[in-house]
């Protein structure tokens, strides 16, 4: 399963540690891509940890176009957002990238293609891993 994680990229402290740890562990069993809306220590440290990391260029709407293109061309099946700016981006992208099923509470998580037991199991694993913090 291809999963794209969106984040502003300016996070520090616990948020940075949580997302880095989550994605480093999830990338062992899934195709994970982290997209930051700006360059900085967050993106550089993620790349150093072996997480596939991309940084959007330009402003917010330019980043939305870039992420929309990535989702369409690279076949991401799950979009997971971290933080308020990424949640807004996820909500806008969901309305323009096809009909996904919204899942999650504090983060905007949605699946692009219908139901499937494999996807449900993957999402359950993603959710459990994030709660464990491992």
N, C-alpha and C. Protein backbone atom coordinates (compact mmCIF):
# COMPACT_ATOMS: atom_id res chain seq x y z
N UNK A 1 0.84 -1.17 0.00
CA UNK A 1 0.00 0.00 0.00
C UNK A 1 0.89 1.24 0.00
N UNK A 2 0.54 2.21 -0.83
CA UNK A 2 1.28 3.47 -0.91
C UNK A 2 0.56 4.50 -0.05
N UNK A 3 1.31 5.06 0.90
CA UNK A 3 0.75 6.03 1.84
C UNK A 3 1.56 7.32 1.75
N UNK A 4 0.86 8.43 1.64
CA UNK A 4 1.51 9.73 1.63
C UNK A 4 1.13 10.45 2.93
N UNK A 5 2.14 10.95 3.63
CA UNK A 5 1.94 11.69 4.88
C UNK A 5 2.26 13.14 4.61
N UNK A 6 1.34 14.03 4.96
CA UNK A 6 1.52 15.46 4.74
C UNK A 6 1.75 16.15 6.08
N UNK A 7 2.69 17.09 6.12
CA UNK A 7 2.97 17.87 7.33
C UNK A 7 3.57 19.21 6.91
N UNK A 8 3.39 20.22 7.74
CA UNK A 8 3.92 21.55 7.39
C UNK A 8 5.44 21.53 7.28
N UNK A 9 6.10 20.80 8.15
CA UNK A 9 7.55 20.71 8.10
C UNK A 9 8.27 21.61 9.08
N UNK A 10 7.53 22.39 9.86
CA UNK A 10 8.15 23.26 10.84
C UNK A 10 8.06 22.72 12.26
N UNK A 11 7.58 21.49 12.41
CA UNK A 11 7.36 20.92 13.73
C UNK A 11 8.67 20.60 14.44
N UNK A 12 8.64 20.71 15.77
CA UNK A 12 9.81 20.42 16.59
C UNK A 12 9.38 19.60 17.79
N UNK A 13 10.34 19.17 18.57
CA UNK A 13 10.04 18.49 19.83
C UNK A 13 9.29 17.19 19.66
N UNK A 14 8.25 17.03 20.48
CA UNK A 14 7.50 15.78 20.52
C UNK A 14 6.81 15.44 19.21
N UNK A 15 6.27 16.45 18.54
CA UNK A 15 5.59 16.20 17.25
C UNK A 15 6.57 15.65 16.24
N UNK A 16 7.75 16.25 16.18
CA UNK A 16 8.77 15.80 15.23
C UNK A 16 9.20 14.38 15.58
N UNK A 17 9.47 14.13 16.84
CA UNK A 17 9.90 12.81 17.28
C UNK A 17 8.84 11.76 16.97
N UNK A 18 7.58 12.09 17.24
CA UNK A 18 6.48 11.16 16.99
C UNK A 18 6.37 10.79 15.51
N UNK A 19 6.34 11.80 14.65
CA UNK A 19 6.16 11.55 13.22
C UNK A 19 7.37 10.81 12.65
N UNK A 20 8.56 11.20 13.03
CA UNK A 20 9.76 10.51 12.54
C UNK A 20 9.75 9.04 12.96
N UNK A 21 9.46 8.79 14.23
CA UNK A 21 9.43 7.41 14.73
C UNK A 21 8.34 6.59 14.04
N UNK A 22 7.16 7.18 13.91
CA UNK A 22 6.04 6.50 13.26
C UNK A 22 6.39 6.10 11.84
N UNK A 23 6.89 7.06 11.06
CA UNK A 23 7.16 6.78 9.66
C UNK A 23 8.37 5.87 9.46
N UNK A 24 9.36 5.99 10.32
CA UNK A 24 10.52 5.10 10.22
C UNK A 24 10.08 3.65 10.42
N UNK A 25 9.20 3.42 11.38
CA UNK A 25 8.73 2.05 11.63
C UNK A 25 7.73 1.58 10.57
N UNK A 26 6.83 2.45 10.15
CA UNK A 26 5.85 2.05 9.13
C UNK A 26 6.52 1.76 7.79
N UNK A 27 7.60 2.45 7.49
CA UNK A 27 8.26 2.27 6.19
C UNK A 27 8.90 0.89 6.05
N UNK A 28 8.99 0.16 7.13
CA UNK A 28 9.53 -1.21 7.06
C UNK A 28 8.56 -2.16 6.34
N UNK A 29 7.26 -1.84 6.41
CA UNK A 29 6.28 -2.74 5.80
C UNK A 29 5.38 -2.09 4.77
N UNK A 30 5.52 -0.79 4.55
CA UNK A 30 4.66 -0.07 3.60
C UNK A 30 5.50 0.89 2.78
N UNK A 31 4.93 1.31 1.68
CA UNK A 31 5.56 2.31 0.83
C UNK A 31 5.12 3.68 1.35
N UNK A 32 6.00 4.33 2.13
CA UNK A 32 5.68 5.58 2.82
C UNK A 32 6.42 6.73 2.16
N UNK A 33 5.73 7.84 1.94
CA UNK A 33 6.36 9.07 1.47
C UNK A 33 5.90 10.21 2.37
N UNK A 34 6.86 10.97 2.88
CA UNK A 34 6.57 12.13 3.70
C UNK A 34 6.70 13.37 2.82
N UNK A 35 5.68 14.22 2.85
CA UNK A 35 5.72 15.47 2.09
C UNK A 35 5.64 16.63 3.08
N UNK A 36 6.66 17.48 3.06
CA UNK A 36 6.70 18.68 3.91
C UNK A 36 6.40 19.89 3.05
N UNK A 37 5.64 20.83 3.60
CA UNK A 37 5.30 22.03 2.86
C UNK A 37 6.43 23.06 2.87
N UNK A 38 7.46 22.83 3.68
CA UNK A 38 8.62 23.71 3.66
C UNK A 38 9.86 22.93 4.05
N UNK A 39 11.00 23.43 3.63
CA UNK A 39 12.28 22.79 3.93
C UNK A 39 12.72 23.20 5.34
N UNK A 40 13.57 22.39 5.92
CA UNK A 40 14.10 22.71 7.24
C UNK A 40 14.58 21.46 7.94
N UNK A 41 14.88 21.58 9.23
CA UNK A 41 15.40 20.45 10.01
C UNK A 41 14.47 19.23 10.00
N UNK A 42 13.15 19.47 10.02
CA UNK A 42 12.21 18.35 10.04
C UNK A 42 12.41 17.45 8.82
N UNK A 43 12.42 18.03 7.65
CA UNK A 43 12.57 17.26 6.41
C UNK A 43 13.96 16.64 6.31
N UNK A 44 14.99 17.39 6.65
CA UNK A 44 16.36 16.86 6.57
C UNK A 44 16.56 15.68 7.50
N UNK A 45 16.07 15.79 8.74
CA UNK A 45 16.23 14.69 9.70
C UNK A 45 15.42 13.47 9.27
N UNK A 46 14.25 13.66 8.70
CA UNK A 46 13.46 12.53 8.22
C UNK A 46 14.22 11.79 7.13
N UNK A 47 14.79 12.53 6.20
CA UNK A 47 15.57 11.91 5.11
C UNK A 47 16.78 11.16 5.68
N UNK A 48 17.43 11.73 6.68
CA UNK A 48 18.58 11.06 7.31
C UNK A 48 18.18 9.76 7.98
N UNK A 49 16.92 9.65 8.42
CA UNK A 49 16.42 8.43 9.05
C UNK A 49 16.01 7.38 8.01
N UNK A 50 16.13 7.72 6.73
CA UNK A 50 15.78 6.77 5.67
C UNK A 50 14.34 6.86 5.22
N UNK A 51 13.62 7.88 5.64
CA UNK A 51 12.23 8.07 5.23
C UNK A 51 12.24 8.82 3.90
N UNK A 52 11.52 8.30 2.91
CA UNK A 52 11.44 9.01 1.64
C UNK A 52 10.74 10.34 1.90
N UNK A 53 11.45 11.44 1.65
CA UNK A 53 10.96 12.76 2.01
C UNK A 53 11.01 13.69 0.80
N UNK A 54 9.93 14.43 0.62
CA UNK A 54 9.88 15.43 -0.45
C UNK A 54 9.46 16.76 0.15
N UNK A 55 10.01 17.82 -0.38
CA UNK A 55 9.67 19.16 0.09
C UNK A 55 9.02 19.91 -1.07
N UNK A 56 7.86 20.49 -0.79
CA UNK A 56 7.15 21.26 -1.81
C UNK A 56 7.80 22.62 -1.96
N UNK A 57 7.74 23.12 -3.17
CA UNK A 57 8.28 24.46 -3.44
C UNK A 57 7.12 25.44 -3.54
N UNK A 58 7.40 26.69 -3.29
CA UNK A 58 6.36 27.72 -3.42
C UNK A 58 5.47 27.79 -2.21
N UNK A 59 4.35 28.48 -2.38
CA UNK A 59 3.39 28.69 -1.30
C UNK A 59 2.41 27.54 -1.14
N UNK A 60 1.39 27.78 -0.33
CA UNK A 60 0.42 26.75 0.02
C UNK A 60 -0.30 26.17 -1.19
N UNK A 61 -0.80 27.03 -2.06
CA UNK A 61 -1.58 26.53 -3.21
C UNK A 61 -0.69 25.87 -4.25
N UNK A 62 0.52 26.33 -4.36
CA UNK A 62 1.49 25.67 -5.23
C UNK A 62 1.78 24.26 -4.70
N UNK A 63 1.92 24.16 -3.38
CA UNK A 63 2.15 22.85 -2.74
C UNK A 63 0.96 21.93 -2.97
N UNK A 64 -0.25 22.45 -2.89
CA UNK A 64 -1.45 21.63 -3.14
C UNK A 64 -1.42 21.05 -4.54
N UNK A 65 -1.08 21.88 -5.52
CA UNK A 65 -1.01 21.38 -6.90
C UNK A 65 0.05 20.28 -7.02
N UNK A 66 1.18 20.48 -6.37
CA UNK A 66 2.26 19.51 -6.43
C UNK A 66 1.84 18.18 -5.78
N UNK A 67 1.19 18.25 -4.63
CA UNK A 67 0.75 17.03 -3.94
C UNK A 67 -0.36 16.35 -4.73
N UNK A 68 -1.28 17.13 -5.29
CA UNK A 68 -2.36 16.55 -6.11
C UNK A 68 -1.77 15.76 -7.28
N UNK A 69 -0.74 16.31 -7.91
CA UNK A 69 -0.07 15.64 -9.00
C UNK A 69 0.59 14.34 -8.51
N UNK A 70 1.27 14.39 -7.36
CA UNK A 70 1.91 13.20 -6.81
C UNK A 70 0.88 12.09 -6.57
N UNK A 71 -0.25 12.46 -5.95
CA UNK A 71 -1.29 11.47 -5.64
C UNK A 71 -1.80 10.82 -6.92
N UNK A 72 -2.07 11.62 -7.92
CA UNK A 72 -2.62 11.11 -9.18
C UNK A 72 -1.61 10.27 -9.95
N UNK A 73 -0.39 10.77 -10.09
CA UNK A 73 0.60 10.10 -10.93
C UNK A 73 1.27 8.91 -10.26
N UNK A 74 1.38 8.94 -8.95
CA UNK A 74 2.13 7.88 -8.28
C UNK A 74 1.25 6.86 -7.57
N UNK A 75 -0.06 7.04 -7.65
CA UNK A 75 -0.99 6.03 -7.16
C UNK A 75 -1.04 5.85 -5.65
N UNK A 76 -0.93 6.93 -4.90
CA UNK A 76 -1.06 6.81 -3.45
C UNK A 76 -2.48 6.40 -3.11
N UNK A 77 -2.61 5.47 -2.17
CA UNK A 77 -3.92 4.94 -1.81
C UNK A 77 -4.45 5.52 -0.51
N UNK A 78 -3.57 6.02 0.32
CA UNK A 78 -3.97 6.55 1.62
C UNK A 78 -3.25 7.86 1.85
N UNK A 79 -4.00 8.86 2.30
CA UNK A 79 -3.44 10.16 2.62
C UNK A 79 -3.62 10.36 4.12
N UNK A 80 -2.51 10.68 4.80
CA UNK A 80 -2.56 10.90 6.25
C UNK A 80 -1.93 12.26 6.52
N UNK A 81 -2.64 13.09 7.28
CA UNK A 81 -2.13 14.43 7.54
C UNK A 81 -1.77 14.58 9.01
N UNK A 82 -0.80 15.46 9.25
CA UNK A 82 -0.34 15.73 10.62
C UNK A 82 -0.33 17.25 10.80
N UNK A 83 -1.18 17.76 11.68
CA UNK A 83 -1.18 19.19 11.98
C UNK A 83 -2.23 19.96 11.20
N UNK A 84 -2.49 21.18 11.67
CA UNK A 84 -3.60 21.97 11.13
C UNK A 84 -3.43 22.35 9.66
N UNK A 85 -2.25 22.78 9.25
CA UNK A 85 -2.05 23.17 7.85
C UNK A 85 -2.22 21.95 6.94
N UNK A 86 -1.65 20.83 7.34
CA UNK A 86 -1.79 19.61 6.54
C UNK A 86 -3.22 19.10 6.56
N UNK A 87 -3.94 19.27 7.68
CA UNK A 87 -5.35 18.87 7.73
C UNK A 87 -6.17 19.67 6.73
N UNK A 88 -5.91 20.96 6.65
CA UNK A 88 -6.60 21.80 5.68
C UNK A 88 -6.27 21.35 4.25
N UNK A 89 -4.99 21.11 4.01
CA UNK A 89 -4.57 20.63 2.68
C UNK A 89 -5.25 19.31 2.36
N UNK A 90 -5.32 18.40 3.32
CA UNK A 90 -5.96 17.11 3.12
C UNK A 90 -7.43 17.24 2.78
N UNK A 91 -8.11 18.15 3.46
CA UNK A 91 -9.54 18.36 3.19
C UNK A 91 -9.74 18.91 1.78
N UNK A 92 -8.90 19.84 1.37
CA UNK A 92 -9.01 20.40 0.02
C UNK A 92 -8.67 19.34 -1.01
N UNK A 93 -7.61 18.59 -0.77
CA UNK A 93 -7.19 17.56 -1.73
C UNK A 93 -8.25 16.46 -1.85
N UNK A 94 -8.87 16.11 -0.74
CA UNK A 94 -9.89 15.07 -0.77
C UNK A 94 -11.02 15.45 -1.71
N UNK A 95 -11.38 16.72 -1.70
CA UNK A 95 -12.49 17.16 -2.54
C UNK A 95 -12.10 17.25 -4.01
N UNK A 96 -10.80 17.27 -4.31
CA UNK A 96 -10.36 17.42 -5.70
C UNK A 96 -9.65 16.19 -6.27
N UNK A 97 -9.36 15.20 -5.43
CA UNK A 97 -8.62 14.00 -5.88
C UNK A 97 -9.51 12.78 -6.01
N UNK A 98 -10.78 12.95 -6.03
CA UNK A 98 -11.66 11.79 -6.14
C UNK A 98 -12.30 11.51 -4.80
N UNK A 99 -13.23 10.62 -4.82
CA UNK A 99 -13.99 10.33 -3.61
C UNK A 99 -13.24 9.33 -2.75
N UNK A 100 -12.82 9.79 -1.61
CA UNK A 100 -12.19 8.92 -0.64
C UNK A 100 -13.10 8.75 0.55
N UNK A 101 -12.80 7.79 1.37
CA UNK A 101 -13.56 7.58 2.58
C UNK A 101 -12.78 8.21 3.72
N UNK A 102 -13.36 9.15 4.41
CA UNK A 102 -12.66 9.84 5.48
C UNK A 102 -12.60 8.94 6.70
N UNK A 103 -11.42 8.83 7.26
CA UNK A 103 -11.22 8.07 8.49
C UNK A 103 -10.40 8.91 9.43
N UNK A 104 -10.43 8.60 10.70
CA UNK A 104 -9.57 9.26 11.66
C UNK A 104 -10.29 10.40 12.37
N UNK A 105 -9.61 10.98 13.34
CA UNK A 105 -10.22 12.06 14.10
C UNK A 105 -9.33 13.29 14.09
N UNK A 106 -8.21 13.26 14.83
CA UNK A 106 -7.39 14.46 14.91
C UNK A 106 -6.62 14.72 13.63
N UNK A 107 -6.32 13.67 12.89
CA UNK A 107 -5.67 13.83 11.60
C UNK A 107 -6.65 13.46 10.51
N UNK A 108 -6.50 14.09 9.38
CA UNK A 108 -7.35 13.78 8.24
C UNK A 108 -6.74 12.58 7.53
N UNK A 109 -7.37 11.44 7.63
CA UNK A 109 -6.89 10.23 6.98
C UNK A 109 -7.98 9.77 6.04
N UNK A 110 -7.65 9.54 4.80
CA UNK A 110 -8.67 9.06 3.88
C UNK A 110 -8.08 8.09 2.89
N UNK A 111 -8.93 7.18 2.46
CA UNK A 111 -8.53 6.16 1.50
C UNK A 111 -9.12 6.53 0.15
N UNK A 112 -8.35 6.38 -0.90
CA UNK A 112 -8.79 6.82 -2.22
C UNK A 112 -9.68 5.82 -2.93
N UNK A 113 -9.56 4.54 -2.64
CA UNK A 113 -10.28 3.54 -3.42
C UNK A 113 -11.07 2.61 -2.52
N UNK A 114 -12.37 2.75 -2.51
CA UNK A 114 -13.31 1.82 -1.88
C UNK A 114 -12.85 1.01 -0.70
N UNK A 115 -13.58 -0.05 -0.43
CA UNK A 115 -13.31 -0.92 0.70
C UNK A 115 -12.44 -2.10 0.30
N UNK A 116 -11.67 -2.56 1.25
CA UNK A 116 -10.89 -3.77 1.04
C UNK A 116 -10.37 -4.23 2.38
N UNK A 117 -10.44 -5.51 2.64
CA UNK A 117 -9.98 -6.02 3.92
C UNK A 117 -8.50 -5.73 4.13
N UNK A 118 -7.72 -5.81 3.06
CA UNK A 118 -6.29 -5.52 3.18
C UNK A 118 -6.06 -4.09 3.62
N UNK A 119 -6.81 -3.19 3.06
CA UNK A 119 -6.66 -1.77 3.42
C UNK A 119 -7.13 -1.53 4.85
N UNK A 120 -8.22 -2.19 5.24
CA UNK A 120 -8.70 -2.04 6.61
C UNK A 120 -7.66 -2.55 7.59
N UNK A 121 -7.07 -3.70 7.28
CA UNK A 121 -6.04 -4.26 8.16
C UNK A 121 -4.84 -3.34 8.22
N UNK A 122 -4.46 -2.78 7.09
CA UNK A 122 -3.33 -1.85 7.04
C UNK A 122 -3.62 -0.63 7.88
N UNK A 123 -4.81 -0.07 7.75
CA UNK A 123 -5.15 1.11 8.52
C UNK A 123 -5.19 0.80 10.00
N UNK A 124 -5.73 -0.37 10.36
CA UNK A 124 -5.76 -0.76 11.77
C UNK A 124 -4.35 -0.86 12.32
N UNK A 125 -3.45 -1.43 11.52
CA UNK A 125 -2.05 -1.53 11.92
C UNK A 125 -1.44 -0.15 12.08
N UNK A 126 -1.72 0.75 11.15
CA UNK A 126 -1.21 2.12 11.20
C UNK A 126 -1.69 2.80 12.47
N UNK A 127 -2.96 2.65 12.77
CA UNK A 127 -3.54 3.30 13.95
C UNK A 127 -2.95 2.73 15.23
N UNK A 128 -2.82 1.40 15.33
CA UNK A 128 -2.27 0.78 16.52
C UNK A 128 -0.82 1.19 16.72
N UNK A 129 -0.05 1.24 15.64
CA UNK A 129 1.34 1.63 15.74
C UNK A 129 1.45 3.05 16.24
N UNK A 130 0.60 3.94 15.75
CA UNK A 130 0.69 5.33 16.18
C UNK A 130 0.31 5.47 17.65
N UNK A 131 -0.61 4.66 18.13
CA UNK A 131 -0.98 4.73 19.55
C UNK A 131 0.14 4.19 20.43
N UNK A 132 0.83 3.15 19.96
CA UNK A 132 1.95 2.58 20.72
C UNK A 132 3.12 3.53 20.77
N UNK A 133 3.27 4.32 19.72
CA UNK A 133 4.39 5.26 19.65
C UNK A 133 5.71 4.59 19.37
N UNK A 134 5.64 3.39 18.76
CA UNK A 134 6.89 2.67 18.49
C UNK A 134 7.31 2.79 17.06
